Amino acid sequence: MVSMSTDEEASQTSSPSSSSSSSSSSPPTLHFIGMKEDIVRARRVTKLVNGCRDVLVLYHQGQLYGMDMRCYHSGGALQDGDIEEFNGRLCIVCPWHKYKITLAEGEGLYQAVENPTVRPLRTRWCSKGVKQRIHKVTEINGEVFITLNDSSEPTESDVYQTEKYRTVSVNVQSKPKSRKL
């Protein structure tokens, strides 16, 4: 068995996504998510990180991925979405409106028609650009950490990172009054 240093192990088990480079020289902050064996078993874990960001960490095909928990389009709960491959790219499919988001980059994908006047229609997968904020996931000695993507560049999923979307509203209806007939 080959022993790796913490840095080597972290670089070998990090997700392919990368957080943006910070202009400051301070090292990125690692936020503990959980034990890898628990995440592998659960496949998906959600967590409020740093009191301000709801993230989803998922395990798929031997890889860990991290992203904002709510879909950029309408705030759908991505932890309930299916993972599918589109044109060779792994995506999570939002359960609300079926938006496809690449796991590694956070790009929104859509199917475009090449020429609508030619039958049969031929389609191809295209990118809308990065829509979902992706966060770097690192494993160190069986513990999984996330480094929040602190890019100042806005991402559409940022809209759903407010207290408004953390609060579940419950409609409580009053008990119907019985009527005498």
Protein backbone atom coordinates (compact mmCIF):
# COMPACT_ATOMS: atom_id res chain seq x y z
CA MET A 1 0.00 0.00 0.00
CA VAL A 2 1.36 3.41 -0.96
CA SER A 3 1.07 6.15 1.62
CA MET A 4 0.21 9.64 0.37
CA SER A 5 0.73 12.95 2.05
CA THR A 6 -2.40 14.95 2.87
CA ASP A 7 -1.74 17.31 -0.07
CA GLU A 8 -1.25 14.42 -2.49
CA GLU A 9 -4.37 12.67 -1.26
CA ALA A 10 -6.41 15.87 -1.47
CA SER A 11 -5.31 16.51 -5.03
CA GLN A 12 -6.12 12.94 -6.05
CA THR A 13 -9.61 12.92 -4.54
CA SER A 14 -10.78 16.44 -5.30
CA SER A 15 -13.68 16.89 -7.66
CA PRO A 16 -12.90 18.10 -11.17
CA SER A 17 -14.68 21.32 -10.41
CA SER A 18 -12.62 24.18 -9.18
CA SER A 19 -13.41 27.17 -7.10
CA SER A 20 -12.22 30.47 -8.39
CA SER A 21 -8.85 31.79 -7.43
CA SER A 22 -9.02 34.30 -4.68
CA SER A 23 -6.91 37.40 -5.05
CA SER A 24 -5.87 37.18 -1.40
CA SER A 25 -2.94 35.05 -0.34
CA SER A 26 -4.80 33.33 2.51
CA PRO A 27 -5.46 29.63 2.07
CA PRO A 28 -9.04 28.58 1.23
CA THR A 29 -11.27 27.58 4.13
CA LEU A 30 -12.22 23.92 4.28
CA HIS A 31 -15.69 23.23 5.71
CA PHE A 32 -16.31 19.75 7.09
CA ILE A 33 -19.21 17.98 5.36
CA GLY A 34 -18.97 14.45 6.73
CA MET A 35 -17.19 11.14 6.55
CA LYS A 36 -16.67 9.82 3.03
CA GLU A 37 -18.13 6.40 3.87
CA ASP A 38 -21.37 8.08 5.04
CA ILE A 39 -21.58 10.23 1.91
CA VAL A 40 -20.91 7.23 -0.35
CA ARG A 41 -23.68 5.32 1.43
CA ALA A 42 -26.16 8.23 1.27
CA ARG A 43 -25.05 9.29 -2.25
CA ARG A 44 -26.16 12.88 -1.48
CA VAL A 45 -25.74 15.16 1.49
CA THR A 46 -27.01 18.71 1.95
CA LYS A 47 -25.57 21.13 4.44
CA LEU A 48 -25.73 24.77 5.40
CA VAL A 49 -22.09 25.89 5.22
CA ASN A 50 -20.70 28.89 7.06
CA GLY A 51 -24.25 29.89 8.01
CA CYS A 52 -24.82 31.32 4.54
CA ARG A 53 -24.67 28.73 1.78
CA ASP A 54 -26.81 25.64 1.21
CA VAL A 55 -24.71 23.07 -0.61
CA LEU A 56 -25.23 19.64 -2.06
CA VAL A 57 -22.36 17.16 -2.00
CA LEU A 58 -22.94 14.06 -4.04
CA TYR A 59 -21.06 10.91 -4.83
CA HIS A 60 -21.39 9.43 -8.31
CA GLN A 61 -19.20 6.91 -10.14
CA GLY A 62 -16.38 7.19 -7.63
CA GLN A 63 -16.28 10.99 -7.68
CA LEU A 64 -17.42 13.66 -5.22
CA TYR A 65 -19.11 16.82 -6.51
CA GLY A 66 -20.29 19.98 -4.75
CA MET A 67 -22.74 22.67 -5.84
CA ASP A 68 -25.43 25.00 -4.60
CA MET A 69 -28.34 22.92 -3.38
CA ARG A 70 -31.13 24.72 -5.26
CA CYS A 71 -31.48 24.82 -9.04
CA TYR A 72 -30.59 28.12 -10.67
CA HIS A 73 -33.84 28.21 -12.65
CA SER A 74 -36.51 28.14 -9.97
CA GLY A 75 -34.95 26.87 -6.73
CA GLY A 76 -35.76 23.18 -7.20
CA ALA A 77 -34.27 20.72 -4.70
CA LEU A 78 -31.37 19.22 -6.65
CA GLN A 79 -30.80 16.53 -4.04
CA ASP A 80 -33.93 14.87 -5.48
CA GLY A 81 -32.74 15.06 -9.10
CA ASP A 82 -31.58 12.17 -11.27
CA ILE A 83 -28.05 12.01 -12.60
CA GLU A 84 -27.87 11.40 -16.34
CA GLU A 85 -25.30 11.71 -19.09
CA PHE A 86 -25.90 14.13 -21.96
CA ASN A 87 -23.40 14.16 -24.82
CA GLY A 88 -20.79 12.53 -22.58
CA ARG A 89 -21.29 14.98 -19.69
CA LEU A 90 -22.68 14.00 -16.30
CA CYS A 91 -25.58 16.20 -15.25
CA ILE A 92 -28.04 16.46 -12.42
CA VAL A 93 -31.58 16.92 -13.71
CA CYS A 94 -33.71 19.24 -11.62
CA PRO A 95 -36.83 17.39 -10.50
CA TRP A 96 -39.05 20.46 -10.91
CA HIS A 97 -38.54 21.55 -14.53
CA LYS A 98 -35.95 19.04 -15.85
CA TYR A 99 -33.15 21.58 -16.28
CA LYS A 100 -29.83 19.82 -16.88
CA ILE A 101 -26.78 21.03 -14.93
CA THR A 102 -23.29 19.62 -15.44
CA LEU A 103 -21.81 18.23 -12.24
CA ALA A 104 -18.26 19.38 -12.90
CA GLU A 105 -18.79 22.93 -14.21
CA GLY A 106 -22.34 23.97 -13.30
CA GLU A 107 -23.28 24.67 -16.91
CA GLY A 108 -26.91 24.63 -17.95
CA LEU A 109 -27.41 22.38 -20.98
CA TYR A 110 -30.20 22.51 -23.53
CA GLN A 111 -31.02 20.71 -26.75
CA ALA A 112 -30.93 22.98 -29.81
CA VAL A 113 -32.41 22.25 -33.22
CA GLU A 114 -29.77 22.64 -35.94
CA ASN A 115 -32.13 23.67 -38.74
CA PRO A 116 -35.87 23.79 -38.00
CA THR A 117 -36.79 23.68 -41.71
CA VAL A 118 -35.12 20.31 -42.33
CA ARG A 119 -36.96 17.09 -41.43
CA PRO A 120 -36.27 14.99 -39.55
CA LEU A 121 -35.12 17.51 -36.98
CA ARG A 122 -31.51 17.18 -35.88
CA THR A 123 -30.62 18.33 -32.40
CA ARG A 124 -27.42 18.90 -30.48
CA TRP A 125 -26.59 19.66 -26.86
CA CYS A 126 -25.48 23.23 -26.16
CA SER A 127 -24.37 25.14 -23.10
CA LYS A 128 -26.12 28.16 -21.62
CA GLY A 129 -22.91 28.88 -19.70
CA VAL A 130 -22.27 28.47 -15.99
CA LYS A 131 -25.56 28.85 -14.15
CA GLN A 132 -25.00 26.83 -10.96
CA ARG A 133 -22.27 27.70 -8.47
CA ILE A 134 -19.89 24.74 -8.10
CA HIS A 135 -17.76 24.24 -4.99
CA LYS A 136 -14.52 22.30 -4.61
CA VAL A 137 -14.81 19.02 -2.70
CA THR A 138 -11.75 17.53 -1.02
CA GLU A 139 -11.27 14.29 0.86
CA ILE A 140 -8.55 14.08 3.52
CA ASN A 141 -8.09 10.83 5.41
CA GLY A 142 -11.72 9.76 4.92
CA GLU A 143 -13.16 13.16 5.84
CA VAL A 144 -14.93 15.24 3.18
CA PHE A 145 -14.58 19.01 3.08
CA ILE A 146 -15.93 21.69 0.79
CA THR A 147 -14.29 24.96 -0.20
CA LEU A 148 -16.91 27.51 -1.12
CA ASN A 149 -16.53 29.13 -4.51
CA ASP A 150 -16.05 32.75 -3.46
CA SER A 151 -15.93 34.23 -6.93
CA SER A 152 -17.32 37.75 -7.05
CA GLU A 153 -18.76 36.87 -10.46
CA PRO A 154 -22.51 36.36 -9.89
CA THR A 155 -24.02 32.98 -10.70
CA GLU A 156 -27.74 32.49 -11.21
CA SER A 157 -28.01 29.96 -8.35
CA ASP A 158 -26.89 32.74 -5.95
CA VAL A 159 -30.48 34.05 -5.96
CA TYR A 160 -31.59 31.05 -3.87
CA GLN A 161 -28.97 31.54 -1.13
CA THR A 162 -31.13 33.65 1.15
CA GLU A 163 -33.08 32.98 4.32
CA LYS A 164 -36.30 33.27 2.30
CA TYR A 165 -35.54 29.97 0.56
CA ARG A 166 -34.34 28.21 3.73
CA THR A 167 -37.66 28.76 5.46
CA VAL A 168 -40.32 26.22 4.68
CA SER A 169 -43.69 27.87 4.75
CA VAL A 170 -46.50 25.74 6.05
CA ASN A 171 -50.08 26.60 5.31
CA VAL A 172 -52.05 25.95 8.43
CA GLN A 173 -55.74 25.92 7.77
CA SER A 174 -58.22 26.33 10.53
CA LYS A 175 -60.37 23.36 11.39
CA PRO A 176 -63.65 23.55 9.50
CA LYS A 177 -66.57 24.41 11.72
CA SER A 178 -69.29 21.84 11.94
CA ARG A 179 -72.63 22.96 10.70
CA LYS A 180 -76.01 21.93 11.96
CA LEU A 181 -78.44 20.99 9.26
